[in-house]
Amino acid sequence: MRGEVTLHTDAVVTAPFALAVIAEATGSRVVGARTADAHVPLYSGPTSARVEIAGFGDSVPITVDVRDERGIDEARAAAQALGLELAAYAGWEVVAAF
């Protein structure tokens, strides 16, 4: 049963840039760059981060969806860790929506 949670950020950046920052902050890589399924695998497990943009041309902060194939508890734990890493690495303000 897959779990998914959302992180809200204060970063007003493009999705490709946000994915690159997530990859650098976590020591991972972007998979499927320039596709609708672009994501960053997280923590050597069945966990990944995907970036959502509100709409074409909108200048609003991005959100990050953290998915884990094992369940919601694992997704929450991964999201909390990712939020801390993004705050430390990129200086983003990150708020969990769970």
PDB file of N, CA and C in Angstrom:
ATOM      1  N   MET A   1       0.841  -1.180   0.000  1.00  0.00           N
ATOM      2  CA  MET A   1       0.000   0.000   0.000  1.00  0.00           C
ATOM      3  C   MET A   1       0.884   1.242   0.000  1.00  0.00           C
ATOM      4  N   ARG A   2       0.885   1.948  -1.081  1.00  0.00           N
ATOM      5  CA  ARG A   2       1.752   3.110  -1.246  1.00  0.00           C
ATOM      6  C   ARG A   2       1.282   4.273  -0.387  1.00  0.00           C
ATOM      7  N   GLY A   3       2.249   5.003   0.168  1.00  0.00           N
ATOM      8  CA  GLY A   3       1.951   6.209   0.922  1.00  0.00           C
ATOM      9  C   GLY A   3       2.496   7.421   0.202  1.00  0.00           C
ATOM     10  N   GLU A   4       1.812   8.538   0.342  1.00  0.00           N
ATOM     11  CA  GLU A   4       2.270   9.781  -0.274  1.00  0.00           C
ATOM     12  C   GLU A   4       1.941  10.947   0.641  1.00  0.00           C
ATOM     13  N   VAL A   5       2.926  11.814   0.831  1.00  0.00           N
ATOM     14  CA  VAL A   5       2.740  13.022   1.630  1.00  0.00           C
ATOM     15  C   VAL A   5       3.328  14.209   0.869  1.00  0.00           C
ATOM     16  N   THR A   6       2.933  15.402   1.279  1.00  0.00           N
ATOM     17  CA  THR A   6       3.349  16.612   0.578  1.00  0.00           C
ATOM     18  C   THR A   6       4.128  17.535   1.501  1.00  0.00           C
ATOM     19  N   LEU A   7       5.182  18.117   0.934  1.00  0.00           N
ATOM     20  CA  LEU A   7       5.947  19.164   1.600  1.00  0.00           C
ATOM     21  C   LEU A   7       5.706  20.468   0.854  1.00  0.00           C
ATOM     22  N   HIS A   8       5.407  21.533   1.574  1.00  0.00           N
ATOM     23  CA  HIS A   8       5.271  22.862   0.983  1.00  0.00           C
ATOM     24  C   HIS A   8       6.577  23.610   1.234  1.00  0.00           C
ATOM     25  N   THR A   9       7.052  24.323   0.214  1.00  0.00           N
ATOM     26  CA  THR A   9       8.299  25.076   0.350  1.00  0.00           C
ATOM     27  C   THR A   9       8.047  26.553   0.061  1.00  0.00           C
ATOM     28  N   ASP A  10       9.072  27.346   0.329  1.00  0.00           N
ATOM     29  CA  ASP A  10       9.020  28.761  -0.038  1.00  0.00           C
ATOM     30  C   ASP A  10       9.805  29.027  -1.317  1.00  0.00           C
ATOM     31  N   ALA A  11      10.243  27.966  -1.999  1.00  0.00           N
ATOM     32  CA  ALA A  11      11.087  28.094  -3.189  1.00  0.00           C
ATOM     33  C   ALA A  11      10.242  28.342  -4.436  1.00  0.00           C
ATOM     34  N   VAL A  12      10.496  29.449  -5.090  1.00  0.00           N
ATOM     35  CA  VAL A  12       9.841  29.752  -6.361  1.00  0.00           C
ATOM     36  C   VAL A  12      10.878  29.480  -7.446  1.00  0.00           C
ATOM     37  N   VAL A  13      10.897  28.238  -7.913  1.00  0.00           N
ATOM     38  CA  VAL A  13      11.879  27.776  -8.893  1.00  0.00           C
ATOM     39  C   VAL A  13      11.172  26.863  -9.888  1.00  0.00           C
ATOM     40  N   THR A  14      11.868  26.515 -10.956  1.00  0.00           N
ATOM     41  CA  THR A  14      11.298  25.579 -11.924  1.00  0.00           C
ATOM     42  C   THR A  14      11.363  24.159 -11.369  1.00  0.00           C
ATOM     43  N   ALA A  15      10.531  23.297 -11.910  1.00  0.00           N
ATOM     44  CA  ALA A  15      10.537  21.897 -11.477  1.00  0.00           C
ATOM     45  C   ALA A  15      11.891  21.232 -11.738  1.00  0.00           C
ATOM     46  N   PRO A  16      12.503  21.412 -12.925  1.00  0.00           N
ATOM     47  CA  PRO A  16      13.813  20.789 -13.137  1.00  0.00           C
ATOM     48  C   PRO A  16      14.870  21.269 -12.135  1.00  0.00           C
ATOM     49  N   PHE A  17      14.848  22.572 -11.818  1.00  0.00           N
ATOM     50  CA  PHE A  17      15.811  23.092 -10.847  1.00  0.00           C
ATOM     51  C   PHE A  17      15.553  22.498  -9.469  1.00  0.00           C
ATOM     52  N   ALA A  18      14.286  22.435  -9.070  1.00  0.00           N
ATOM     53  CA  ALA A  18      13.945  21.866  -7.763  1.00  0.00           C
ATOM     54  C   ALA A  18      14.379  20.409  -7.671  1.00  0.00           C
ATOM     55  N   LEU A  19      14.155  19.637  -8.727  1.00  0.00           N
ATOM     56  CA  LEU A  19      14.586  18.236  -8.720  1.00  0.00           C
ATOM     57  C   LEU A  19      16.105  18.131  -8.609  1.00  0.00           C
ATOM     58  N   ALA A  20      16.818  19.023  -9.302  1.00  0.00           N
ATOM     59  CA  ALA A  20      18.282  19.017  -9.214  1.00  0.00           C
ATOM     60  C   ALA A  20      18.746  19.333  -7.796  1.00  0.00           C
ATOM     61  N   VAL A  21      18.093  20.282  -7.141  1.00  0.00           N
ATOM     62  CA  VAL A  21      18.440  20.621  -5.756  1.00  0.00           C
ATOM     63  C   VAL A  21      18.167  19.433  -4.838  1.00  0.00           C
ATOM     64  N   ILE A  22      17.023  18.788  -5.006  1.00  0.00           N
ATOM     65  CA  ILE A  22      16.691  17.617  -4.186  1.00  0.00           C
ATOM     66  C   ILE A  22      17.730  16.521  -4.394  1.00  0.00           C
ATOM     67  N   ALA A  23      18.105  16.282  -5.646  1.00  0.00           N
ATOM     68  CA  ALA A  23      19.109  15.255  -5.938  1.00  0.00           C
ATOM     69  C   ALA A  23      20.446  15.589  -5.285  1.00  0.00           C
ATOM     70  N   GLU A  24      20.882  16.828  -5.397  1.00  0.00           N
ATOM     71  CA  GLU A  24      22.153  17.228  -4.789  1.00  0.00           C
ATOM     72  C   GLU A  24      22.098  17.153  -3.271  1.00  0.00           C
ATOM     73  N   ALA A  25      20.995  17.586  -2.694  1.00  0.00           N
ATOM     74  CA  ALA A  25      20.865  17.590  -1.231  1.00  0.00           C
ATOM     75  C   ALA A  25      20.876  16.185  -0.652  1.00  0.00           C
ATOM     76  N   THR A  26      20.377  15.220  -1.421  1.00  0.00           N
ATOM     77  CA  THR A  26      20.272  13.846  -0.918  1.00  0.00           C
ATOM     78  C   THR A  26      21.336  12.915  -1.474  1.00  0.00           C
ATOM     79  N   GLY A  27      22.205  13.420  -2.337  1.00  0.00           N
ATOM     80  CA  GLY A  27      23.231  12.570  -2.934  1.00  0.00           C
ATOM     81  C   GLY A  27      22.649  11.564  -3.911  1.00  0.00           C
ATOM     82  N   SER A  28      21.563  11.937  -4.564  1.00  0.00           N
ATOM     83  CA  SER A  28      20.883  11.039  -5.494  1.00  0.00           C
ATOM     84  C   SER A  28      20.997  11.591  -6.906  1.00  0.00           C
ATOM     85  N   ARG A  29      20.037  11.268  -7.761  1.00  0.00           N
ATOM     86  CA  ARG A  29      20.035  11.715  -9.146  1.00  0.00           C
ATOM     87  C   ARG A  29      18.593  11.910  -9.599  1.00  0.00           C
ATOM     88  N   VAL A  30      18.416  12.654 -10.677  1.00  0.00           N
ATOM     89  CA  VAL A  30      17.087  12.829 -11.264  1.00  0.00           C
ATOM     90  C   VAL A  30      16.874  11.717 -12.284  1.00  0.00           C
ATOM     91  N   VAL A  31      15.755  11.024 -12.176  1.00  0.00           N
ATOM     92  CA  VAL A  31      15.383   9.968 -13.117  1.00  0.00           C
ATOM     93  C   VAL A  31      14.250  10.498 -13.986  1.00  0.00           C
ATOM     94  N   GLY A  32      14.355  10.292 -15.289  1.00  0.00           N
ATOM     95  CA  GLY A  32      13.293  10.734 -16.192  1.00  0.00           C
ATOM     96  C   GLY A  32      13.233  12.231 -16.369  1.00  0.00           C
ATOM     97  N   ALA A  33      14.393  12.880 -16.310  1.00  0.00           N
ATOM     98  CA  ALA A  33      14.422  14.340 -16.481  1.00  0.00           C
ATOM     99  C   ALA A  33      13.703  14.723 -17.766  1.00  0.00           C
ATOM    100  N   ARG A  34      13.013  15.833 -17.724  1.00  0.00           N
ATOM    101  CA  ARG A  34      12.261  16.377 -18.857  1.00  0.00           C
ATOM    102  C   ARG A  34      11.106  15.481 -19.296  1.00  0.00           C
ATOM    103  N   THR A  35      10.599  14.670 -18.374  1.00  0.00           N
ATOM    104  CA  THR A  35       9.399  13.880 -18.645  1.00  0.00           C
ATOM    105  C   THR A  35       8.371  14.185 -17.560  1.00  0.00           C
ATOM    106  N   ALA A  36       7.157  13.743 -17.782  1.00  0.00           N
ATOM    107  CA  ALA A  36       6.098  13.958 -16.786  1.00  0.00           C
ATOM    108  C   ALA A  36       6.323  13.127 -15.532  1.00  0.00           C
ATOM    109  N   ASP A  37       7.162  12.094 -15.616  1.00  0.00           N
ATOM    110  CA  ASP A  37       7.413  11.219 -14.471  1.00  0.00           C
ATOM    111  C   ASP A  37       8.778  11.480 -13.828  1.00  0.00           C
ATOM    112  N   ALA A  38       9.340  12.663 -14.026  1.00  0.00           N
ATOM    113  CA  ALA A  38      10.642  12.978 -13.434  1.00  0.00           C
ATOM    114  C   ALA A  38      10.551  12.890 -11.918  1.00  0.00           C
ATOM    115  N   HIS A  39      11.548  12.249 -11.320  1.00  0.00           N
ATOM    116  CA  HIS A  39      11.570  12.098  -9.865  1.00  0.00           C
ATOM    117  C   HIS A  39      12.991  11.842  -9.390  1.00  0.00           C
ATOM    118  N   VAL A  40      13.160  11.911  -8.078  1.00  0.00           N
ATOM    119  CA  VAL A  40      14.452  11.644  -7.445  1.00  0.00           C
ATOM    120  C   VAL A  40      14.261  10.472  -6.493  1.00  0.00           C
ATOM    121  N   PRO A  41      14.964   9.350  -6.727  1.00  0.00           N
ATOM    122  CA  PRO A  41      14.908   8.248  -5.763  1.00  0.00           C
ATOM    123  C   PRO A  41      15.559   8.690  -4.454  1.00  0.00           C
ATOM    124  N   LEU A  42      14.962   8.286  -3.334  1.00  0.00           N
ATOM    125  CA  LEU A  42      15.465   8.711  -2.026  1.00  0.00           C
ATOM    126  C   LEU A  42      15.852   7.528  -1.153  1.00  0.00           C
ATOM    127  N   TYR A  43      16.952   7.644  -0.480  1.00  0.00           N
ATOM    128  CA  TYR A  43      17.339   6.793   0.643  1.00  0.00           C
ATOM    129  C   TYR A  43      17.418   5.307   0.316  1.00  0.00           C
ATOM    130  N   SER A  44      17.858   4.967  -0.882  1.00  0.00           N
ATOM    131  CA  SER A  44      18.114   3.571  -1.275  1.00  0.00           C
ATOM    132  C   SER A  44      16.939   2.647  -1.010  1.00  0.00           C
ATOM    133  N   GLY A  45      15.752   3.134  -1.135  1.00  0.00           N
ATOM    134  CA  GLY A  45      14.569   2.314  -0.908  1.00  0.00           C
ATOM    135  C   GLY A  45      13.508   2.625  -1.934  1.00  0.00           C
ATOM    136  N   PRO A  46      12.304   2.144  -1.707  1.00  0.00           N
ATOM    137  CA  PRO A  46      11.213   2.393  -2.651  1.00  0.00           C
ATOM    138  C   PRO A  46      10.548   3.749  -2.408  1.00  0.00           C
ATOM    139  N   THR A  47      11.376   4.771  -2.231  1.00  0.00           N
ATOM    140  CA  THR A  47      10.893   6.109  -1.911  1.00  0.00           C
ATOM    141  C   THR A  47      11.356   7.074  -2.992  1.00  0.00           C
ATOM    142  N   SER A  48      10.511   8.029  -3.358  1.00  0.00           N
ATOM    143  CA  SER A  48      10.906   9.011  -4.363  1.00  0.00           C
ATOM    144  C   SER A  48      10.252  10.355  -4.073  1.00  0.00           C
ATOM    145  N   ALA A  49      10.850  11.397  -4.654  1.00  0.00           N
ATOM    146  CA  ALA A  49      10.319  12.756  -4.531  1.00  0.00           C
ATOM    147  C   ALA A  49       9.956  13.263  -5.915  1.00  0.00           C
ATOM    148  N   ARG A  50       8.786  13.872  -6.016  1.00  0.00           N
ATOM    149  CA  ARG A  50       8.316  14.477  -7.254  1.00  0.00           C
ATOM    150  C   ARG A  50       7.927  15.920  -6.951  1.00  0.00           C
ATOM    151  N   VAL A  51       8.102  16.797  -7.932  1.00  0.00           N
ATOM    152  CA  VAL A  51       7.831  18.220  -7.732  1.00  0.00           C
ATOM    153  C   VAL A  51       6.552  18.602  -8.456  1.00  0.00           C
ATOM    154  N   GLU A  52       5.723  19.371  -7.773  1.00  0.00           N
ATOM    155  CA  GLU A  52       4.475  19.866  -8.354  1.00  0.00           C
ATOM    156  C   GLU A  52       4.551  21.381  -8.500  1.00  0.00           C
ATOM    157  N   ILE A  53       4.130  21.863  -9.648  1.00  0.00           N
ATOM    158  CA  ILE A  53       4.028  23.293  -9.914  1.00  0.00           C
ATOM    159  C   ILE A  53       2.539  23.603 -10.055  1.00  0.00           C
ATOM    160  N   ALA A  54       2.077  24.681  -9.468  1.00  0.00           N
ATOM    161  CA  ALA A  54       0.643  24.986  -9.445  1.00  0.00           C
ATOM    162  C   ALA A  54       0.035  25.066 -10.842  1.00  0.00           C
ATOM    163  N   GLY A  55       0.681  25.731 -11.750  1.00  0.00           N
ATOM    164  CA  GLY A  55       0.149  25.863 -13.099  1.00  0.00           C
ATOM    165  C   GLY A  55       1.167  26.522 -14.003  1.00  0.00           C
ATOM    166  N   PHE A  56       0.984  26.394 -15.279  1.00  0.00           N
ATOM    167  CA  PHE A  56       1.930  26.943 -16.233  1.00  0.00           C
ATOM    168  C   PHE A  56       2.052  28.451 -16.046  1.00  0.00           C
ATOM    169  N   GLY A  57       3.266  28.901 -15.870  1.00  0.00           N
ATOM    170  CA  GLY A  57       3.523  30.324 -15.754  1.00  0.00           C
ATOM    171  C   GLY A  57       3.252  30.931 -14.390  1.00  0.00           C
ATOM    172  N   ASP A  58       2.786  30.112 -13.447  1.00  0.00           N
ATOM    173  CA  ASP A  58       2.516  30.635 -12.107  1.00  0.00           C
ATOM    174  C   ASP A  58       3.817  30.869 -11.351  1.00  0.00           C
ATOM    175  N   SER A  59       3.870  31.946 -10.606  1.00  0.00           N
ATOM    176  CA  SER A  59       5.023  32.237  -9.759  1.00  0.00           C
ATOM    177  C   SER A  59       4.632  31.971  -8.313  1.00  0.00           C
ATOM    178  N   VAL A  60       4.501  30.712  -7.990  1.00  0.00           N
ATOM    179  CA  VAL A  60       4.154  30.301  -6.634  1.00  0.00           C
ATOM    180  C   VAL A  60       5.163  29.261  -6.171  1.00  0.00           C
ATOM    181  N   PRO A  61       5.331  29.113  -4.883  1.00  0.00           N
ATOM    182  CA  PRO A  61       6.280  28.121  -4.377  1.00  0.00           C
ATOM    183  C   PRO A  61       5.895  26.704  -4.804  1.00  0.00           C
ATOM    184  N   ILE A  62       6.909  25.889  -4.962  1.00  0.00           N
ATOM    185  CA  ILE A  62       6.690  24.501  -5.363  1.00  0.00           C
ATOM    186  C   ILE A  62       6.292  23.648  -4.165  1.00  0.00           C
ATOM    187  N   THR A  63       5.674  22.530  -4.456  1.00  0.00           N
ATOM    188  CA  THR A  63       5.428  21.505  -3.450  1.00  0.00           C
ATOM    189  C   THR A  63       6.160  20.251  -3.885  1.00  0.00           C
ATOM    190  N   VAL A  64       6.529  19.442  -2.919  1.00  0.00           N
ATOM    191  CA  VAL A  64       7.244  18.201  -3.183  1.00  0.00           C
ATOM    192  C   VAL A  64       6.406  17.052  -2.647  1.00  0.00           C
ATOM    193  N   ASP A  65       6.074  16.114  -3.525  1.00  0.00           N
ATOM    194  CA  ASP A  65       5.354  14.913  -3.114  1.00  0.00           C
ATOM    195  C   ASP A  65       6.370  13.819  -2.842  1.00  0.00           C
ATOM    196  N   VAL A  66       6.302  13.248  -1.661  1.00  0.00           N
ATOM    197  CA  VAL A  66       7.190  12.146  -1.288  1.00  0.00           C
ATOM    198  C   VAL A  66       6.352  10.880  -1.261  1.00  0.00           C
ATOM    199  N   ARG A  67       6.749   9.900  -2.072  1.00  0.00           N
ATOM    200  CA  ARG A  67       6.020   8.637  -2.174  1.00  0.00           C
ATOM    201  C   ARG A  67       6.889   7.495  -1.679  1.00  0.00           C
ATOM    202  N   ASP A  68       6.258   6.566  -0.987  1.00  0.00           N
ATOM    203  CA  ASP A  68       6.957   5.359  -0.547  1.00  0.00           C
ATOM    204  C   ASP A  68       6.043   4.169  -0.793  1.00  0.00           C
ATOM    205  N   GLU A  69       6.564   3.171  -1.476  1.00  0.00           N
ATOM    206  CA  GLU A  69       5.775   1.988  -1.821  1.00  0.00           C
ATOM    207  C   GLU A  69       5.402   1.157  -0.599  1.00  0.00           C
ATOM    208  N   ARG A  70       6.098   1.351   0.512  1.00  0.00           N
ATOM    209  CA  ARG A  70       5.821   0.551   1.716  1.00  0.00           C
ATOM    210  C   ARG A  70       4.645   1.071   2.519  1.00  0.00           C
ATOM    211  N   GLY A  71       4.360   2.371   2.445  1.00  0.00           N
ATOM    212  CA  GLY A  71       3.224   2.888   3.193  1.00  0.00           C
ATOM    213  C   GLY A  71       3.398   4.318   3.656  1.00  0.00           C
ATOM    214  N   ILE A  72       2.373   4.812   4.326  1.00  0.00           N
ATOM    215  CA  ILE A  72       2.319   6.215   4.735  1.00  0.00           C
ATOM    216  C   ILE A  72       3.331   6.552   5.824  1.00  0.00           C
ATOM    217  N   ASP A  73       3.570   5.646   6.756  1.00  0.00           N
ATOM    218  CA  ASP A  73       4.536   5.937   7.823  1.00  0.00           C
ATOM    219  C   ASP A  73       5.933   6.138   7.258  1.00  0.00           C
ATOM    220  N   GLU A  74       6.311   5.304   6.304  1.00  0.00           N
ATOM    221  CA  GLU A  74       7.622   5.430   5.673  1.00  0.00           C
ATOM    222  C   GLU A  74       7.707   6.710   4.841  1.00  0.00           C
ATOM    223  N   ALA A  75       6.606   7.059   4.165  1.00  0.00           N
ATOM    224  CA  ALA A  75       6.583   8.301   3.384  1.00  0.00           C
ATOM    225  C   ALA A  75       6.738   9.513   4.298  1.00  0.00           C
ATOM    226  N   ARG A  76       6.071   9.496   5.439  1.00  0.00           N
ATOM    227  CA  ARG A  76       6.195  10.608   6.394  1.00  0.00           C
ATOM    228  C   ARG A  76       7.625  10.733   6.916  1.00  0.00           C
ATOM    229  N   ALA A  77       8.232   9.612   7.262  1.00  0.00           N
ATOM    230  CA  ALA A  77       9.608   9.639   7.773  1.00  0.00           C
ATOM    231  C   ALA A  77      10.562  10.179   6.712  1.00  0.00           C
ATOM    232  N   ALA A  78      10.395   9.731   5.475  1.00  0.00           N
ATOM    233  CA  ALA A  78      11.253  10.204   4.388  1.00  0.00           C
ATOM    234  C   ALA A  78      11.026  11.690   4.129  1.00  0.00           C
ATOM    235  N   ALA A  79       9.780  12.139   4.197  1.00  0.00           N
ATOM    236  CA  ALA A  79       9.471  13.555   3.975  1.00  0.00           C
ATOM    237  C   ALA A  79      10.090  14.425   5.060  1.00  0.00           C
ATOM    238  N   GLN A  80      10.031  13.973   6.294  1.00  0.00           N
ATOM    239  CA  GLN A  80      10.643  14.742   7.386  1.00  0.00           C
ATOM    240  C   GLN A  80      12.147  14.862   7.175  1.00  0.00           C
ATOM    241  N   ALA A  81      12.790  13.760   6.795  1.00  0.00           N
ATOM    242  CA  ALA A  81      14.230  13.788   6.543  1.00  0.00           C
ATOM    243  C   ALA A  81      14.550  14.702   5.367  1.00  0.00           C
ATOM    244  N   LEU A  82      13.770  14.610   4.300  1.00  0.00           N
ATOM    245  CA  LEU A  82      14.005  15.452   3.129  1.00  0.00           C
ATOM    246  C   LEU A  82      13.811  16.928   3.470  1.00  0.00           C
ATOM    247  N   GLY A  83      12.799  17.251   4.236  1.00  0.00           N
ATOM    248  CA  GLY A  83      12.577  18.639   4.636  1.00  0.00           C
ATOM    249  C   GLY A  83      13.768  19.220   5.374  1.00  0.00           C
ATOM    250  N   LEU A  84      14.335  18.443   6.278  1.00  0.00           N
ATOM    251  CA  LEU A  84      15.519  18.896   7.014  1.00  0.00           C
ATOM    252  C   LEU A  84      16.710  19.079   6.083  1.00  0.00           C
ATOM    253  N   GLU A  85      16.878  18.151   5.138  1.00  0.00           N
ATOM    254  CA  GLU A  85      17.997  18.258   4.199  1.00  0.00           C
ATOM    255  C   GLU A  85      17.854  19.475   3.289  1.00  0.00           C
ATOM    256  N   LEU A  86      16.651  19.742   2.811  1.00  0.00           N
ATOM    257  CA  LEU A  86      16.445  20.902   1.942  1.00  0.00           C
ATOM    258  C   LEU A  86      16.637  22.214   2.694  1.00  0.00           C
ATOM    259  N   ALA A  87      16.232  22.247   3.943  1.00  0.00           N
ATOM    260  CA  ALA A  87      16.444  23.449   4.757  1.00  0.00           C
ATOM    261  C   ALA A  87      17.935  23.689   4.964  1.00  0.00           C
ATOM    262  N   ALA A  88      18.676  22.633   5.270  1.00  0.00           N
ATOM    263  CA  ALA A  88      20.113  22.769   5.523  1.00  0.00           C
ATOM    264  C   ALA A  88      20.893  23.042   4.242  1.00  0.00           C
ATOM    265  N   TYR A  89      20.571  22.345   3.170  1.00  0.00           N
ATOM    266  CA  TYR A  89      21.342  22.444   1.930  1.00  0.00           C
ATOM    267  C   TYR A  89      21.008  23.704   1.129  1.00  0.00           C
ATOM    268  N   ALA A  90      19.708  23.953   0.944  1.00  0.00           N
ATOM    269  CA  ALA A  90      19.287  25.032   0.051  1.00  0.00           C
ATOM    270  C   ALA A  90      18.724  26.248   0.779  1.00  0.00           C
ATOM    271  N   GLY A  91      18.521  26.127   2.091  1.00  0.00           N
ATOM    272  CA  GLY A  91      17.946  27.234   2.836  1.00  0.00           C
ATOM    273  C   GLY A  91      16.453  27.414   2.611  1.00  0.00           C
ATOM    274  N   TRP A  92      15.811  26.389   2.037  1.00  0.00           N
ATOM    275  CA  TRP A  92      14.369  26.473   1.811  1.00  0.00           C
ATOM    276  C   TRP A  92      13.629  26.331   3.128  1.00  0.00           C
ATOM    277  N   GLU A  93      12.532  27.053   3.255  1.00  0.00           N
ATOM    278  CA  GLU A  93      11.615  26.834   4.368  1.00  0.00           C
ATOM    279  C   GLU A  93      10.654  25.738   3.913  1.00  0.00           C
ATOM    280  N   VAL A  94      10.583  24.666   4.691  1.00  0.00           N
ATOM    281  CA  VAL A  94       9.780  23.505   4.304  1.00  0.00           C
ATOM    282  C   VAL A  94       8.795  23.188   5.420  1.00  0.00           C
ATOM    283  N   VAL A  95       7.531  23.008   5.039  1.00  0.00           N
ATOM    284  CA  VAL A  95       6.481  22.681   5.996  1.00  0.00           C
ATOM    285  C   VAL A  95       5.784  21.415   5.522  1.00  0.00           C
ATOM    286  N   ALA A  96       5.685  20.438   6.407  1.00  0.00           N
ATOM    287  CA  ALA A  96       4.998  19.191   6.072  1.00  0.00           C
ATOM    288  C   ALA A  96       3.491  19.403   6.114  1.00  0.00           C
ATOM    289  N   ALA A  97       2.795  18.807   5.164  1.00  0.00           N
ATOM    290  CA  ALA A  97       1.334  18.917   5.100  1.00  0.00           C
ATOM    291  C   ALA A  97       0.691  17.615   5.566  1.00  0.00           C
ATOM    292  N   PHE A  98       1.140  17.136   6.713  1.00  0.00           N
ATOM    293  CA  PHE A  98       0.545  15.912   7.282  1.00  0.00           C
ATOM    294  C   PHE A  98       0.594  15.967   8.780  1.00  0.00           C
TER     295      PHE A  98
END
